[in-house]
Each structure stands twice: as structure tokens, then as C-alpha cells.
Amino acid sequence: MTVTVWFDPSCPFTWRTSRWVKDVAARRDEKVSWRFLSLAILNEGKDIPDNYRQAHLRARAALRVLTATDEHHGQDAVDRLYTAIGKRVHDEDERLTTDVLVAALAEADLPENLIEAVDETEFDRIVRESHDAGQARVGTETGSPVIAVDDGPGFFGPVVSSVPGPEAADQLFDAMRLLSGVREFSEVKRAREPLS
């Protein structure tokens, strides 16, 4: 089985979901395929707060570096780089800057010259194609993350308030896989911190 994850590296919800997917996939020897989703593209022409717009622009630069990484070094390198970026941005509360990307490239054992991709706008086309493919899998405009199992339909989310432990992680994964097979299924939602 392959789990495809469309992600924007600036999204904290996506970060937690990606850690859940990686945990389950590693324990089950499943493959994770990393694809790109851009909140900057999603919010083009929309009236959003300036701090979000600036974060999305910084993420666009990071997506260019991730795209160059995928093109030149493959999916394992994308996984390592996203992990290094995510730890800094989401676990250590660093801003997604060029300096953070340079440090993440070093931690991921990738060539430092990949940082040159931050200004290479030709990667934007690849990101947009990936973004559009993820949106098409869901069938409606949606945020990050998007997840699909094998060639089934995509989902927005699941959004997790924290990374679940192994038993709950497996349960959530199995539920998502089962829901993926039901074409008539559309949506499930509850508060991020439900009542006990």
C-alpha cells in the first residue's frame, strides 16, 4: 500500500499528521509518497491576514527547495528534508527562513547548493501541478494536508491535535483506509479537543 501525503511545510496541522503517517507506515512497512500542496496557491486572490500571507510566501520558497530536492535526490531526500524543516519550524518555533532551510539541508545530508532553488520560479509550475492533483483527488478546494491511500480518493486531513500513540495511530490509519474504500463517504468532523 502507498499513502500519498500532499503537504505545505508551513502548516502545523500537516506536520502532526505527517508524523502520524510516518510512524504507522514505518511499523507496517508501508510506502509514503510526498507531494506538494501550497497554501499560497490555495489562498490566491483571497483576503487573508498579512501574517498568514507572509508565512505562505516563505513556504513557497521552501516548496521550491523541496521540489528541487525531489527532482535531484528523490523521495527519501524529501522525507529527510521535510523532517528537518518541520522539527525546526513546528517543534522549535523557528520562522521558515532561508537560514532554517540551509540548516535543514545540512541536517538532511543534502547538497547546500539546493538552497539556490528558493529563487527559481520554474519550480512553481511543478508545485502547482502537484497542488492541483491533490485538490482533484479530494474533489473540492481544501487545505493541507491531503492524504490518499493507493489510487483511492483523497481526504483533507485527518487533522490530529497531537501525534497519537501506536495503538491509536494504527486505529486511525485503519479507519482512514476503510473510509477510503467507501465512495459515498464525504466528511467527518469534530472539535480539535472533544469533550471527554
C-alpha atoms as a PDB file:
ATOM      1  CA  MET A   1       0.000   0.000   0.000  1.00  0.00           C
ATOM      2  CA  THR A   2       1.114   3.558  -0.700  1.00  0.00           C
ATOM      3  CA  VAL A   3      -0.045   6.550   1.326  1.00  0.00           C
ATOM      4  CA  THR A   4       0.316   9.820  -0.577  1.00  0.00           C
ATOM      5  CA  VAL A   5       0.619  12.975   1.511  1.00  0.00           C
ATOM      6  CA  TRP A   6       0.226  16.418  -0.062  1.00  0.00           C
ATOM      7  CA  PHE A   7       1.772  18.948   2.320  1.00  0.00           C
ATOM      8  CA  ASP A   8       2.632  22.588   2.842  1.00  0.00           C
ATOM      9  CA  PRO A   9       5.714  22.765   5.101  1.00  0.00           C
ATOM     10  CA  SER A  10       4.367  25.812   6.949  1.00  0.00           C
ATOM     11  CA  CYS A  11       1.235  24.047   8.241  1.00  0.00           C
ATOM     12  CA  PRO A  12       1.447  22.807  11.863  1.00  0.00           C
ATOM     13  CA  PHE A  13      -1.570  20.511  11.426  1.00  0.00           C
ATOM     14  CA  THR A  14       0.110  18.872   8.458  1.00  0.00           C
ATOM     15  CA  TRP A  15       3.298  18.413  10.464  1.00  0.00           C
ATOM     16  CA  ARG A  16       1.493  16.423  13.181  1.00  0.00           C
ATOM     17  CA  THR A  17      -0.411  14.388  10.602  1.00  0.00           C
ATOM     18  CA  SER A  18       2.804  13.633   8.714  1.00  0.00           C
ATOM     19  CA  ARG A  19       4.455  12.324  11.888  1.00  0.00           C
ATOM     20  CA  TRP A  20       1.457  10.038  12.474  1.00  0.00           C
ATOM     21  CA  VAL A  21       1.620   8.738   8.882  1.00  0.00           C
ATOM     22  CA  LYS A  22       5.383   8.144   9.088  1.00  0.00           C
ATOM     23  CA  ASP A  23       5.032   6.278  12.393  1.00  0.00           C
ATOM     24  CA  VAL A  24       2.344   3.914  11.127  1.00  0.00           C
ATOM     25  CA  ALA A  25       3.952   3.418   7.725  1.00  0.00           C
ATOM     26  CA  ALA A  26       7.335   2.579   9.281  1.00  0.00           C
ATOM     27  CA  ARG A  27       5.830  -0.007  11.650  1.00  0.00           C
ATOM     28  CA  ARG A  28       3.793  -1.584   8.852  1.00  0.00           C
ATOM     29  CA  ASP A  29       6.443  -1.334   6.143  1.00  0.00           C
ATOM     30  CA  GLU A  30       4.129   0.827   4.009  1.00  0.00           C
ATOM     31  CA  LYS A  31       5.354   3.371   1.473  1.00  0.00           C
ATOM     32  CA  VAL A  32       4.799   7.122   1.918  1.00  0.00           C
ATOM     33  CA  SER A  33       4.802   9.313  -1.179  1.00  0.00           C
ATOM     34  CA  TRP A  34       5.380  13.033  -0.537  1.00  0.00           C
ATOM     35  CA  ARG A  35       3.643  15.551  -2.806  1.00  0.00           C
ATOM     36  CA  PHE A  36       3.379  19.306  -2.626  1.00  0.00           C
ATOM     37  CA  LEU A  37       0.417  21.458  -1.636  1.00  0.00           C
ATOM     38  CA  SER A  38       0.694  25.226  -1.419  1.00  0.00           C
ATOM     39  CA  LEU A  39      -1.382  27.341   0.934  1.00  0.00           C
ATOM     40  CA  ALA A  40      -0.116  30.335  -1.075  1.00  0.00           C
ATOM     41  CA  ILE A  41      -1.785  28.889  -4.181  1.00  0.00           C
ATOM     42  CA  LEU A  42      -4.895  27.913  -2.234  1.00  0.00           C
ATOM     43  CA  ASN A  43      -5.323  31.475  -0.954  1.00  0.00           C
ATOM     44  CA  GLU A  44      -4.505  33.360  -4.165  1.00  0.00           C
ATOM     45  CA  GLY A  45      -6.854  36.327  -4.511  1.00  0.00           C
ATOM     46  CA  LYS A  46      -8.350  35.813  -1.045  1.00  0.00           C
ATOM     47  CA  ASP A  47      -8.425  38.337   1.764  1.00  0.00           C
ATOM     48  CA  ILE A  48      -6.278  36.702   4.455  1.00  0.00           C
ATOM     49  CA  PRO A  49      -4.292  38.273   7.306  1.00  0.00           C
ATOM     50  CA  ASP A  50      -0.868  39.573   6.271  1.00  0.00           C
ATOM     51  CA  ASN A  51       0.991  37.312   8.726  1.00  0.00           C
ATOM     52  CA  TYR A  52      -0.554  34.254   7.016  1.00  0.00           C
ATOM     53  CA  ARG A  53       0.267  35.641   3.580  1.00  0.00           C
ATOM     54  CA  GLN A  54       3.918  36.178   4.615  1.00  0.00           C
ATOM     55  CA  ALA A  55       4.124  32.646   6.059  1.00  0.00           C
ATOM     56  CA  HIS A  56       2.715  31.258   2.803  1.00  0.00           C
ATOM     57  CA  LEU A  57       5.317  33.158   0.778  1.00  0.00           C
ATOM     58  CA  ARG A  58       8.110  31.726   2.942  1.00  0.00           C
ATOM     59  CA  ALA A  59       6.578  28.274   2.440  1.00  0.00           C
ATOM     60  CA  ARG A  60       6.597  28.854  -1.323  1.00  0.00           C
ATOM     61  CA  ALA A  61      10.391  29.277  -1.161  1.00  0.00           C
ATOM     62  CA  ALA A  62      10.665  26.096   0.923  1.00  0.00           C
ATOM     63  CA  LEU A  63       8.480  24.222  -1.567  1.00  0.00           C
ATOM     64  CA  ARG A  64      10.873  25.231  -4.349  1.00  0.00           C
ATOM     65  CA  VAL A  65      13.767  23.710  -2.387  1.00  0.00           C
ATOM     66  CA  LEU A  66      11.730  20.576  -1.643  1.00  0.00           C
ATOM     67  CA  THR A  67      10.808  20.285  -5.332  1.00  0.00           C
ATOM     68  CA  ALA A  68      14.449  20.619  -6.382  1.00  0.00           C
ATOM     69  CA  THR A  69      15.316  18.004  -3.776  1.00  0.00           C
ATOM     70  CA  ASP A  70      12.721  15.606  -5.168  1.00  0.00           C
ATOM     71  CA  GLU A  71      13.892  16.214  -8.733  1.00  0.00           C
ATOM     72  CA  HIS A  72      17.596  15.671  -7.994  1.00  0.00           C
ATOM     73  CA  HIS A  73      17.639  13.319  -4.986  1.00  0.00           C
ATOM     74  CA  GLY A  74      14.268  11.556  -4.745  1.00  0.00           C
ATOM     75  CA  GLN A  75      11.573  10.873  -2.204  1.00  0.00           C
ATOM     76  CA  ASP A  76      13.808   9.695   0.639  1.00  0.00           C
ATOM     77  CA  ALA A  77      15.602  13.039   0.477  1.00  0.00           C
ATOM     78  CA  VAL A  78      12.262  14.912   0.504  1.00  0.00           C
ATOM     79  CA  ASP A  79      11.301  12.948   3.622  1.00  0.00           C
ATOM     80  CA  ARG A  80      14.577  13.808   5.360  1.00  0.00           C
ATOM     81  CA  LEU A  81      14.392  17.478   4.388  1.00  0.00           C
ATOM     82  CA  TYR A  82      10.734  17.911   5.398  1.00  0.00           C
ATOM     83  CA  THR A  83      11.545  16.261   8.733  1.00  0.00           C
ATOM     84  CA  ALA A  84      14.472  18.619   9.314  1.00  0.00           C
ATOM     85  CA  ILE A  85      12.383  21.664   8.336  1.00  0.00           C
ATOM     86  CA  GLY A  86       9.407  20.554  10.406  1.00  0.00           C
ATOM     87  CA  LYS A  87      11.417  19.969  13.571  1.00  0.00           C
ATOM     88  CA  ARG A  88      12.782  23.500  13.388  1.00  0.00           C
ATOM     89  CA  VAL A  89       9.565  25.263  12.386  1.00  0.00           C
ATOM     90  CA  HIS A  90       6.934  23.299  14.289  1.00  0.00           C
ATOM     91  CA  ASP A  91       8.773  21.781  17.249  1.00  0.00           C
ATOM     92  CA  GLU A  92      11.287  24.563  17.915  1.00  0.00           C
ATOM     93  CA  ASP A  93       9.128  27.525  16.760  1.00  0.00           C
ATOM     94  CA  GLU A  94      11.677  28.891  14.301  1.00  0.00           C
ATOM     95  CA  ARG A  95      10.492  31.010  11.381  1.00  0.00           C
ATOM     96  CA  LEU A  96      10.698  29.310   7.974  1.00  0.00           C
ATOM     97  CA  THR A  97      13.607  31.391   6.668  1.00  0.00           C
ATOM     98  CA  THR A  98      16.448  30.761   4.247  1.00  0.00           C
ATOM     99  CA  ASP A  99      18.764  30.175   7.234  1.00  0.00           C
ATOM    100  CA  VAL A 100      16.416  27.462   8.520  1.00  0.00           C
ATOM    101  CA  LEU A 101      16.368  25.862   5.075  1.00  0.00           C
ATOM    102  CA  VAL A 102      20.178  25.906   4.913  1.00  0.00           C
ATOM    103  CA  ALA A 103      20.399  24.244   8.349  1.00  0.00           C
ATOM    104  CA  ALA A 104      17.740  21.698   7.365  1.00  0.00           C
ATOM    105  CA  LEU A 105      19.616  20.806   4.172  1.00  0.00           C
ATOM    106  CA  ALA A 106      22.757  20.168   6.225  1.00  0.00           C
ATOM    107  CA  GLU A 107      20.867  18.027   8.739  1.00  0.00           C
ATOM    108  CA  ALA A 108      19.259  16.058   5.899  1.00  0.00           C
ATOM    109  CA  ASP A 109      22.732  15.459   4.421  1.00  0.00           C
ATOM    110  CA  LEU A 110      21.818  17.200   1.175  1.00  0.00           C
ATOM    111  CA  PRO A 111      23.948  19.485  -1.008  1.00  0.00           C
ATOM    112  CA  GLU A 112      23.939  23.067   0.228  1.00  0.00           C
ATOM    113  CA  ASN A 113      23.531  24.384  -3.317  1.00  0.00           C
ATOM    114  CA  LEU A 114      19.891  23.211  -3.280  1.00  0.00           C
ATOM    115  CA  ILE A 115      19.201  26.481  -1.426  1.00  0.00           C
ATOM    116  CA  GLU A 116      19.560  28.242  -4.778  1.00  0.00           C
ATOM    117  CA  ALA A 117      16.101  26.880  -5.641  1.00  0.00           C
ATOM    118  CA  VAL A 118      14.442  29.458  -3.324  1.00  0.00           C
ATOM    119  CA  ASP A 119      14.579  31.945  -6.207  1.00  0.00           C
ATOM    120  CA  GLU A 120      13.965  29.517  -9.068  1.00  0.00           C
ATOM    121  CA  THR A 121      10.375  30.240 -10.073  1.00  0.00           C
ATOM    122  CA  GLU A 122      10.307  27.400 -12.607  1.00  0.00           C
ATOM    123  CA  PHE A 123       9.658  25.051  -9.663  1.00  0.00           C
ATOM    124  CA  ASP A 124       6.371  26.887  -9.025  1.00  0.00           C
ATOM    125  CA  ARG A 125       4.813  25.109 -12.019  1.00  0.00           C
ATOM    126  CA  ILE A 126       5.661  21.699 -10.552  1.00  0.00           C
ATOM    127  CA  VAL A 127       4.283  22.719  -7.160  1.00  0.00           C
ATOM    128  CA  ARG A 128       1.073  23.999  -8.782  1.00  0.00           C
ATOM    129  CA  GLU A 129       0.624  20.761 -10.758  1.00  0.00           C
ATOM    130  CA  SER A 130       1.085  18.726  -7.589  1.00  0.00           C
ATOM    131  CA  HIS A 131      -1.234  21.047  -5.653  1.00  0.00           C
ATOM    132  CA  ASP A 132      -3.932  20.757  -8.330  1.00  0.00           C
ATOM    133  CA  ALA A 133      -3.591  16.958  -8.405  1.00  0.00           C
ATOM    134  CA  GLY A 134      -4.135  16.802  -4.640  1.00  0.00           C
ATOM    135  CA  GLN A 135      -7.178  19.069  -4.838  1.00  0.00           C
ATOM    136  CA  ALA A 136      -8.584  16.917  -7.659  1.00  0.00           C
ATOM    137  CA  ARG A 137      -8.186  13.782  -5.527  1.00  0.00           C
ATOM    138  CA  VAL A 138     -10.370  15.395  -2.842  1.00  0.00           C
ATOM    139  CA  GLY A 139     -12.786  16.801  -5.413  1.00  0.00           C
ATOM    140  CA  THR A 140     -13.131  20.201  -3.770  1.00  0.00           C
ATOM    141  CA  GLU A 141     -10.845  23.015  -2.638  1.00  0.00           C
ATOM    142  CA  THR A 142      -9.241  22.064   0.643  1.00  0.00           C
ATOM    143  CA  GLY A 143      -6.255  22.847   2.811  1.00  0.00           C
ATOM    144  CA  SER A 144      -3.205  20.950   3.962  1.00  0.00           C
ATOM    145  CA  PRO A 145      -2.753  18.037   4.375  1.00  0.00           C
ATOM    146  CA  VAL A 146      -4.416  15.901   1.755  1.00  0.00           C
ATOM    147  CA  ILE A 147      -3.957  12.153   2.096  1.00  0.00           C
ATOM    148  CA  ALA A 148      -4.865   9.334  -0.284  1.00  0.00           C
ATOM    149  CA  VAL A 149      -4.466   5.583   0.071  1.00  0.00           C
ATOM    150  CA  ASP A 150      -3.272   3.855  -3.095  1.00  0.00           C
ATOM    151  CA  ASP A 151      -5.359   5.153  -6.010  1.00  0.00           C
ATOM    152  CA  GLY A 152      -8.421   5.933  -3.865  1.00  0.00           C
ATOM    153  CA  PRO A 153      -9.967   9.352  -3.322  1.00  0.00           C
ATOM    154  CA  GLY A 154      -8.120  11.912  -1.235  1.00  0.00           C
ATOM    155  CA  PHE A 155      -9.118  13.361   2.122  1.00  0.00           C
ATOM    156  CA  PHE A 156      -8.451  16.662   3.808  1.00  0.00           C
ATOM    157  CA  GLY A 157      -6.645  15.554   6.940  1.00  0.00           C
ATOM    158  CA  PRO A 158      -7.015  13.788   9.142  1.00  0.00           C
ATOM    159  CA  VAL A 159      -6.158  16.684  11.407  1.00  0.00           C
ATOM    160  CA  VAL A 160      -4.778  15.474  14.745  1.00  0.00           C
ATOM    161  CA  SER A 161      -4.404  17.682  17.817  1.00  0.00           C
ATOM    162  CA  SER A 162      -1.262  15.740  18.751  1.00  0.00           C
ATOM    163  CA  VAL A 163       0.506  12.707  17.324  1.00  0.00           C
ATOM    164  CA  PRO A 164      -1.331   9.641  18.633  1.00  0.00           C
ATOM    165  CA  GLY A 165       0.482   6.764  20.322  1.00  0.00           C
ATOM    166  CA  PRO A 166       0.977   3.499  18.404  1.00  0.00           C
ATOM    167  CA  GLU A 167      -2.344   1.827  19.238  1.00  0.00           C
ATOM    168  CA  ALA A 168      -4.465   4.895  18.486  1.00  0.00           C
ATOM    169  CA  ALA A 169      -2.289   5.683  15.441  1.00  0.00           C
ATOM    170  CA  ASP A 170      -2.962   2.231  13.992  1.00  0.00           C
ATOM    171  CA  GLN A 171      -6.669   2.521  14.745  1.00  0.00           C
ATOM    172  CA  LEU A 172      -6.877   5.892  12.965  1.00  0.00           C
ATOM    173  CA  PHE A 173      -4.927   4.583   9.981  1.00  0.00           C
ATOM    174  CA  ASP A 174      -7.164   1.522   9.653  1.00  0.00           C
ATOM    175  CA  ALA A 175     -10.267   3.713   9.871  1.00  0.00           C
ATOM    176  CA  MET A 176      -8.943   6.047   7.183  1.00  0.00           C
ATOM    177  CA  ARG A 177      -8.110   3.118   4.901  1.00  0.00           C
ATOM    178  CA  LEU A 178     -11.607   1.672   5.367  1.00  0.00           C
ATOM    179  CA  LEU A 179     -13.282   5.036   4.707  1.00  0.00           C
ATOM    180  CA  SER A 180     -11.161   5.442   1.580  1.00  0.00           C
ATOM    181  CA  GLY A 181     -12.900   2.442   0.034  1.00  0.00           C
ATOM    182  CA  VAL A 182     -16.397   3.871   0.511  1.00  0.00           C
ATOM    183  CA  ARG A 183     -17.009   6.126  -2.490  1.00  0.00           C
ATOM    184  CA  GLU A 184     -20.198   7.530  -0.961  1.00  0.00           C
ATOM    185  CA  PHE A 185     -18.368   8.742   2.171  1.00  0.00           C
ATOM    186  CA  SER A 186     -17.842  12.502   2.281  1.00  0.00           C
ATOM    187  CA  GLU A 187     -16.995  14.036   5.642  1.00  0.00           C
ATOM    188  CA  VAL A 188     -16.463  13.546   9.387  1.00  0.00           C
ATOM    189  CA  LYS A 189     -15.563  16.386  11.760  1.00  0.00           C
ATOM    190  CA  ARG A 190     -15.442  17.260  15.445  1.00  0.00           C
ATOM    191  CA  ALA A 191     -13.779  19.796  17.741  1.00  0.00           C
ATOM    192  CA  ARG A 192      -9.989  19.607  17.985  1.00  0.00           C
ATOM    193  CA  GLU A 193     -10.293  18.984  21.726  1.00  0.00           C
ATOM    194  CA  PRO A 194     -13.530  16.951  22.038  1.00  0.00           C
ATOM    195  CA  LEU A 195     -15.343  16.618  25.337  1.00  0.00           C
ATOM    196  CA  SER A 196     -14.391  13.553  27.353  1.00  0.00           C
END
